């Protein structure tokens, strides 16, 4: 039985594989460059998020210290 149904094509002249190999190599390079670009952007955004988180925690701690100081003053 022939299950290929014309879907698979294996040419006798192996030089016909060359354009497909070149296209694959080009696409692989593009995919790798895109991946590195996205990782670089993600790292930059993670650094910015860390700065924002540290600032938010600092402001929260300052606010909590003020509130505790006010509570102590009110108790006296």
PDB file of N, CA and C in Angstrom:
ATOM      1  N   UNK A   1       0.835  -1.175   0.000  1.00  0.00           N
ATOM      2  CA  UNK A   1       0.000   0.000   0.000  1.00  0.00           C
ATOM      3  C   UNK A   1       0.883   1.242   0.000  1.00  0.00           C
ATOM      4  N   UNK A   2       0.428   2.228  -0.728  1.00  0.00           N
ATOM      5  CA  UNK A   2       1.137   3.501  -0.782  1.00  0.00           C
ATOM      6  C   UNK A   2       0.353   4.517   0.048  1.00  0.00           C
ATOM      7  N   UNK A   3       0.889   4.815   1.254  1.00  0.00           N
ATOM      8  CA  UNK A   3       0.190   5.732   2.150  1.00  0.00           C
ATOM      9  C   UNK A   3       0.567   7.185   1.925  1.00  0.00           C
ATOM     10  N   UNK A   4       1.582   7.443   1.106  1.00  0.00           N
ATOM     11  CA  UNK A   4       2.027   8.823   0.924  1.00  0.00           C
ATOM     12  C   UNK A   4       0.983   9.649   0.189  1.00  0.00           C
ATOM     13  N   UNK A   5       0.292   9.069  -0.740  1.00  0.00           N
ATOM     14  CA  UNK A   5      -0.759   9.790  -1.448  1.00  0.00           C
ATOM     15  C   UNK A   5      -0.234  11.026  -2.158  1.00  0.00           C
ATOM     16  N   UNK A   6       1.034  11.063  -2.479  1.00  0.00           N
ATOM     17  CA  UNK A   6       1.605  12.212  -3.150  1.00  0.00           C
ATOM     18  C   UNK A   6       2.007  13.319  -2.194  1.00  0.00           C
ATOM     19  N   UNK A   7       1.791  13.122  -0.902  1.00  0.00           N
ATOM     20  CA  UNK A   7       2.111  14.154   0.079  1.00  0.00           C
ATOM     21  C   UNK A   7       3.618  14.274   0.268  1.00  0.00           C
ATOM     22  N   UNK A   8       4.295  13.163   0.412  1.00  0.00           N
ATOM     23  CA  UNK A   8       5.742  13.169   0.582  1.00  0.00           C
ATOM     24  C   UNK A   8       6.415  13.113  -0.778  1.00  0.00           C
ATOM     25  N   UNK A   9       7.460  13.917  -0.914  1.00  0.00           N
ATOM     26  CA  UNK A   9       8.171  13.960  -2.193  1.00  0.00           C
ATOM     27  C   UNK A   9       9.662  13.895  -1.908  1.00  0.00           C
ATOM     28  N   UNK A  10      10.318  12.865  -2.376  1.00  0.00           N
ATOM     29  CA  UNK A  10      11.747  12.691  -2.203  1.00  0.00           C
ATOM     30  C   UNK A  10      12.397  12.686  -3.586  1.00  0.00           C
ATOM     31  N   UNK A  11      12.937  13.838  -3.989  1.00  0.00           N
ATOM     32  CA  UNK A  11      13.497  13.920  -5.337  1.00  0.00           C
ATOM     33  C   UNK A  11      14.791  13.115  -5.476  1.00  0.00           C
ATOM     34  N   UNK A  12      15.007  12.653  -6.677  1.00  0.00           N
ATOM     35  CA  UNK A  12      16.248  11.927  -6.975  1.00  0.00           C
ATOM     36  C   UNK A  12      17.433  12.886  -6.963  1.00  0.00           C
ATOM     37  N   UNK A  13      17.221  14.109  -7.465  1.00  0.00           N
ATOM     38  CA  UNK A  13      18.280  15.114  -7.508  1.00  0.00           C
ATOM     39  C   UNK A  13      18.348  15.788  -6.139  1.00  0.00           C
ATOM     40  N   UNK A  14      19.363  15.459  -5.378  1.00  0.00           N
ATOM     41  CA  UNK A  14      19.468  15.964  -4.004  1.00  0.00           C
ATOM     42  C   UNK A  14      19.801  17.453  -3.942  1.00  0.00           C
ATOM     43  N   UNK A  15      20.140  18.063  -5.046  1.00  0.00           N
ATOM     44  CA  UNK A  15      20.410  19.505  -5.042  1.00  0.00           C
ATOM     45  C   UNK A  15      19.127  20.311  -4.827  1.00  0.00           C
ATOM     46  N   UNK A  16      17.982  19.682  -4.959  1.00  0.00           N
ATOM     47  CA  UNK A  16      16.717  20.364  -4.703  1.00  0.00           C
ATOM     48  C   UNK A  16      16.502  20.604  -3.210  1.00  0.00           C
ATOM     49  N   UNK A  17      17.278  19.930  -2.379  1.00  0.00           N
ATOM     50  CA  UNK A  17      17.195  20.157  -0.942  1.00  0.00           C
ATOM     51  C   UNK A  17      17.909  21.440  -0.510  1.00  0.00           C
ATOM     52  N   UNK A  18      18.798  21.931  -1.349  1.00  0.00           N
ATOM     53  CA  UNK A  18      19.622  23.090  -0.991  1.00  0.00           C
ATOM     54  C   UNK A  18      18.785  24.342  -0.685  1.00  0.00           C
ATOM     55  N   UNK A  19      17.822  24.745  -1.512  1.00  0.00           N
ATOM     56  CA  UNK A  19      17.025  25.935  -1.167  1.00  0.00           C
ATOM     57  C   UNK A  19      16.278  25.783   0.170  1.00  0.00           C
ATOM     58  N   UNK A  20      15.775  24.594   0.436  1.00  0.00           N
ATOM     59  CA  UNK A  20      15.072  24.364   1.698  1.00  0.00           C
ATOM     60  C   UNK A  20      16.042  24.472   2.873  1.00  0.00           C
ATOM     61  N   UNK A  21      17.230  23.958   2.727  1.00  0.00           N
ATOM     62  CA  UNK A  21      18.225  24.034   3.793  1.00  0.00           C
ATOM     63  C   UNK A  21      18.637  25.482   4.040  1.00  0.00           C
ATOM     64  N   UNK A  22      18.810  26.252   2.979  1.00  0.00           N
ATOM     65  CA  UNK A  22      19.177  27.670   3.126  1.00  0.00           C
ATOM     66  C   UNK A  22      18.049  28.425   3.823  1.00  0.00           C
ATOM     67  N   UNK A  23      16.821  28.188   3.397  1.00  0.00           N
ATOM     68  CA  UNK A  23      15.683  28.861   4.026  1.00  0.00           C
ATOM     69  C   UNK A  23      15.574  28.483   5.501  1.00  0.00           C
ATOM     70  N   UNK A  24      15.793  27.208   5.803  1.00  0.00           N
ATOM     71  CA  UNK A  24      15.752  26.758   7.193  1.00  0.00           C
ATOM     72  C   UNK A  24      16.822  27.458   8.026  1.00  0.00           C
ATOM     73  N   UNK A  25      18.023  27.566   7.478  1.00  0.00           N
ATOM     74  CA  UNK A  25      19.115  28.227   8.204  1.00  0.00           C
ATOM     75  C   UNK A  25      18.790  29.701   8.450  1.00  0.00           C
ATOM     76  N   UNK A  26      18.260  30.375   7.447  1.00  0.00           N
ATOM     77  CA  UNK A  26      17.901  31.786   7.600  1.00  0.00           C
ATOM     78  C   UNK A  26      16.818  31.956   8.663  1.00  0.00           C
ATOM     79  N   UNK A  27      15.793  31.127   8.616  1.00  0.00           N
ATOM     80  CA  UNK A  27      14.712  31.214   9.597  1.00  0.00           C
ATOM     81  C   UNK A  27      15.212  30.879  10.999  1.00  0.00           C
ATOM     82  N   UNK A  28      16.129  29.930  11.103  1.00  0.00           N
ATOM     83  CA  UNK A  28      16.691  29.584  12.399  1.00  0.00           C
ATOM     84  C   UNK A  28      17.456  30.764  12.997  1.00  0.00           C
ATOM     85  N   UNK A  29      18.197  31.481  12.166  1.00  0.00           N
ATOM     86  CA  UNK A  29      18.930  32.666  12.622  1.00  0.00           C
ATOM     87  C   UNK A  29      17.950  33.752  13.069  1.00  0.00           C
ATOM     88  N   UNK A  30      16.878  33.953  12.306  1.00  0.00           N
ATOM     89  CA  UNK A  30      15.873  34.958  12.668  1.00  0.00           C
ATOM     90  C   UNK A  30      15.197  34.598  13.991  1.00  0.00           C
ATOM     91  N   UNK A  31      14.865  33.340  14.168  1.00  0.00           N
ATOM     92  CA  UNK A  31      14.221  32.893  15.405  1.00  0.00           C
ATOM     93  C   UNK A  31      15.166  33.094  16.590  1.00  0.00           C
ATOM     94  N   UNK A  32      16.431  32.747  16.427  1.00  0.00           N
ATOM     95  CA  UNK A  32      17.399  32.912  17.504  1.00  0.00           C
ATOM     96  C   UNK A  32      17.561  34.392  17.870  1.00  0.00           C
ATOM     97  N   UNK A  33      17.648  35.258  16.858  1.00  0.00           N
ATOM     98  CA  UNK A  33      17.789  36.691  17.116  1.00  0.00           C
ATOM     99  C   UNK A  33      16.552  37.241  17.824  1.00  0.00           C
ATOM    100  N   UNK A  34      15.374  36.808  17.422  1.00  0.00           N
ATOM    101  CA  UNK A  34      14.136  37.246  18.060  1.00  0.00           C
ATOM    102  C   UNK A  34      14.079  36.789  19.510  1.00  0.00           C
ATOM    103  N   UNK A  35      14.484  35.558  19.754  1.00  0.00           N
ATOM    104  CA  UNK A  35      14.501  35.014  21.105  1.00  0.00           C
ATOM    105  C   UNK A  35      15.422  35.832  22.006  1.00  0.00           C
ATOM    106  N   UNK A  36      16.612  36.136  21.521  1.00  0.00           N
ATOM    107  CA  UNK A  36      17.561  36.930  22.316  1.00  0.00           C
ATOM    108  C   UNK A  36      17.023  38.343  22.559  1.00  0.00           C
ATOM    109  N   UNK A  37      16.376  38.929  21.549  1.00  0.00           N
ATOM    110  CA  UNK A  37      15.799  40.263  21.682  1.00  0.00           C
ATOM    111  C   UNK A  37      14.718  40.270  22.763  1.00  0.00           C
ATOM    112  N   UNK A  38      13.850  39.282  22.745  1.00  0.00           N
ATOM    113  CA  UNK A  38      12.771  39.197  23.724  1.00  0.00           C
ATOM    114  C   UNK A  38      13.334  38.973  25.123  1.00  0.00           C
ATOM    115  N   UNK A  39      14.354  38.126  25.259  1.00  0.00           N
ATOM    116  CA  UNK A  39      14.964  37.906  26.577  1.00  0.00           C
ATOM    117  C   UNK A  39      15.618  39.165  27.104  1.00  0.00           C
ATOM    118  N   UNK A  40      16.250  39.942  26.219  1.00  0.00           N
ATOM    119  CA  UNK A  40      16.887  41.192  26.635  1.00  0.00           C
ATOM    120  C   UNK A  40      15.838  42.179  27.139  1.00  0.00           C
ATOM    121  N   UNK A  41      14.716  42.283  26.432  1.00  0.00           N
ATOM    122  CA  UNK A  41      13.634  43.176  26.858  1.00  0.00           C
ATOM    123  C   UNK A  41      13.053  42.705  28.188  1.00  0.00           C
ATOM    124  N   UNK A  42      12.865  41.394  28.343  1.00  0.00           N
ATOM    125  CA  UNK A  42      12.316  40.856  29.586  1.00  0.00           C
ATOM    126  C   UNK A  42      13.245  41.133  30.761  1.00  0.00           C
ATOM    127  N   UNK A  43      14.536  41.014  30.549  1.00  0.00           N
ATOM    128  CA  UNK A  43      15.489  41.298  31.628  1.00  0.00           C
ATOM    129  C   UNK A  43      15.432  42.767  32.022  1.00  0.00           C
ATOM    130  N   UNK A  44      15.312  43.645  31.047  1.00  0.00           N
ATOM    131  CA  UNK A  44      15.213  45.076  31.321  1.00  0.00           C
ATOM    132  C   UNK A  44      13.933  45.381  32.108  1.00  0.00           C
ATOM    133  N   UNK A  45      12.834  44.770  31.712  1.00  0.00           N
ATOM    134  CA  UNK A  45      11.576  44.989  32.425  1.00  0.00           C
ATOM    135  C   UNK A  45      11.625  44.417  33.839  1.00  0.00           C
ATOM    136  N   UNK A  46      12.310  43.297  34.027  1.00  0.00           N
ATOM    137  CA  UNK A  46      12.443  42.722  35.358  1.00  0.00           C
ATOM    138  C   UNK A  46      13.244  43.655  36.265  1.00  0.00           C
ATOM    139  N   UNK A  47      14.266  44.268  35.728  1.00  0.00           N
ATOM    140  CA  UNK A  47      15.059  45.211  36.516  1.00  0.00           C
ATOM    141  C   UNK A  47      14.217  46.425  36.905  1.00  0.00           C
ATOM    142  N   UNK A  48      13.415  46.920  35.979  1.00  0.00           N
ATOM    143  CA  UNK A  48      12.541  48.050  36.290  1.00  0.00           C
ATOM    144  C   UNK A  48      11.503  47.666  37.341  1.00  0.00           C
ATOM    145  N   UNK A  49      10.963  46.463  37.253  1.00  0.00           N
ATOM    146  CA  UNK A  49       9.984  46.001  38.226  1.00  0.00           C
ATOM    147  C   UNK A  49      10.622  45.886  39.611  1.00  0.00           C
ATOM    148  N   UNK A  50      11.859  45.440  39.662  1.00  0.00           N
ATOM    149  CA  UNK A  50      12.553  45.331  40.944  1.00  0.00           C
ATOM    150  C   UNK A  50      12.739  46.706  41.580  1.00  0.00           C
ATOM    151  N   UNK A  51      13.095  47.691  40.781  1.00  0.00           N
ATOM    152  CA  UNK A  51      13.257  49.053  41.292  1.00  0.00           C
ATOM    153  C   UNK A  51      11.926  49.574  41.831  1.00  0.00           C
ATOM    154  N   UNK A  52      10.852  49.357  41.082  1.00  0.00           N
ATOM    155  CA  UNK A  52       9.530  49.802  41.530  1.00  0.00           C
ATOM    156  C   UNK A  52       9.114  49.093  42.819  1.00  0.00           C
ATOM    157  N   UNK A  53       9.398  47.806  42.899  1.00  0.00           N
ATOM    158  CA  UNK A  53       9.040  47.051  44.092  1.00  0.00           C
ATOM    159  C   UNK A  53       9.806  47.569  45.311  1.00  0.00           C
ATOM    160  N   UNK A  54      11.091  47.827  45.145  1.00  0.00           N
ATOM    161  CA  UNK A  54      11.885  48.349  46.260  1.00  0.00           C
ATOM    162  C   UNK A  54      11.363  49.714  46.708  1.00  0.00           C
ATOM    163  N   UNK A  55      11.008  50.555  45.748  1.00  0.00           N
ATOM    164  CA  UNK A  55      10.479  51.876  46.087  1.00  0.00           C
ATOM    165  C   UNK A  55       9.145  51.764  46.823  1.00  0.00           C
ATOM    166  N   UNK A  56       8.289  50.871  46.362  1.00  0.00           N
ATOM    167  CA  UNK A  56       6.987  50.682  47.004  1.00  0.00           C
ATOM    168  C   UNK A  56       7.162  50.160  48.425  1.00  0.00           C
ATOM    169  N   UNK A  57       8.075  49.219  48.615  1.00  0.00           N
ATOM    170  CA  UNK A  57       8.305  48.686  49.957  1.00  0.00           C
ATOM    171  C   UNK A  57       8.876  49.758  50.883  1.00  0.00           C
ATOM    172  N   UNK A  58       9.757  50.581  50.356  1.00  0.00           N
ATOM    173  CA  UNK A  58      10.342  51.657  51.158  1.00  0.00           C
ATOM    174  C   UNK A  58       9.252  52.640  51.590  1.00  0.00           C
ATOM    175  N   UNK A  59       8.387  53.026  50.646  1.00  0.00           N
ATOM    176  CA  UNK A  59       7.302  53.950  50.971  1.00  0.00           C
ATOM    177  C   UNK A  59       6.333  53.338  51.973  1.00  0.00           C
ATOM    178  N   UNK A  60       6.051  52.053  51.828  1.00  0.00           N
ATOM    179  CA  UNK A  60       5.151  51.381  52.771  1.00  0.00           C
ATOM    180  C   UNK A  60       5.756  51.355  54.168  1.00  0.00           C
ATOM    181  N   UNK A  61       7.038  51.038  54.253  1.00  0.00           N
ATOM    182  CA  UNK A  61       7.695  50.999  55.560  1.00  0.00           C
ATOM    183  C   UNK A  61       7.713  52.381  56.215  1.00  0.00           C
ATOM    184  N   UNK A  62       7.940  53.415  55.425  1.00  0.00           N
ATOM    185  CA  UNK A  62       7.923  54.774  55.962  1.00  0.00           C
ATOM    186  C   UNK A  62       6.530  55.144  56.470  1.00  0.00           C
ATOM    187  N   UNK A  63       5.510  54.779  55.688  1.00  0.00           N
ATOM    188  CA  UNK A  63       4.134  55.076  56.082  1.00  0.00           C
ATOM    189  C   UNK A  63       3.759  54.324  57.360  1.00  0.00           C
ATOM    190  N   UNK A  64       4.161  53.064  57.453  1.00  0.00           N
ATOM    191  CA  UNK A  64       3.863  52.272  58.645  1.00  0.00           C
ATOM    192  C   UNK A  64       4.582  52.838  59.870  1.00  0.00           C
ATOM    193  N   UNK A  65       5.804  53.312  59.686  1.00  0.00           N
ATOM    194  CA  UNK A  65       6.541  53.902  60.809  1.00  0.00           C
ATOM    195  C   UNK A  65       5.841  55.172  61.291  1.00  0.00           C
ATOM    196  N   UNK A  66       5.364  55.990  60.368  1.00  0.00           N
ATOM    197  CA  UNK A  66       4.630  57.203  60.744  1.00  0.00           C
ATOM    198  C   UNK A  66       3.352  56.852  61.495  1.00  0.00           C
ATOM    199  N   UNK A  67       2.620  55.844  61.011  1.00  0.00           N
ATOM    200  CA  UNK A  67       1.381  55.440  61.654  1.00  0.00           C
ATOM    201  C   UNK A  67       1.644  54.918  63.067  1.00  0.00           C
ATOM    202  N   UNK A  68       2.705  54.159  63.241  1.00  0.00           N
ATOM    203  CA  UNK A  68       3.047  53.643  64.560  1.00  0.00           C
ATOM    204  C   UNK A  68       3.436  54.788  65.501  1.00  0.00           C
ATOM    205  N   UNK A  69       4.157  55.765  64.966  1.00  0.00           N
ATOM    206  CA  UNK A  69       4.535  56.912  65.787  1.00  0.00           C
ATOM    207  C   UNK A  69       3.293  57.684  66.215  1.00  0.00           C
ATOM    208  N   UNK A  70       2.335  57.856  65.315  1.00  0.00           N
ATOM    209  CA  UNK A  70       1.085  58.551  65.666  1.00  0.00           C
ATOM    210  C   UNK A  70       0.301  57.769  66.718  1.00  0.00           C
ATOM    211  N   UNK A  71       0.255  56.454  66.590  1.00  0.00           N
ATOM    212  CA  UNK A  71      -0.454  55.626  67.563  1.00  0.00           C
ATOM    213  C   UNK A  71       0.182  55.752  68.943  1.00  0.00           C
ATOM    214  N   UNK A  72       1.501  55.780  68.972  1.00  0.00           N
ATOM    215  CA  UNK A  72       2.180  55.925  70.257  1.00  0.00           C
ATOM    216  C   UNK A  72       1.910  57.292  70.882  1.00  0.00           C
ATOM    217  N   UNK A  73       1.854  58.316  70.054  1.00  0.00           N
ATOM    218  CA  UNK A  73       1.555  59.646  70.567  1.00  0.00           C
ATOM    219  C   UNK A  73       0.133  59.728  71.109  1.00  0.00           C
ATOM    220  N   UNK A  74      -0.795  59.047  70.438  1.00  0.00           N
ATOM    221  CA  UNK A  74      -2.186  59.071  70.862  1.00  0.00           C
ATOM    222  C   UNK A  74      -2.382  58.291  72.166  1.00  0.00           C
ATOM    223  N   UNK A  75      -1.578  57.284  72.395  1.00  0.00           N
ATOM    224  CA  UNK A  75      -1.690  56.500  73.625  1.00  0.00           C
ATOM    225  C   UNK A  75      -1.206  57.296  74.830  1.00  0.00           C
ATOM    226  N   UNK A  76      -0.326  58.219  74.614  1.00  0.00           N
ATOM    227  CA  UNK A  76       0.238  58.994  75.728  1.00  0.00           C
ATOM    228  C   UNK A  76      -0.655  60.072  76.151  1.00  0.00           C
TER     229      UNK A  76
END
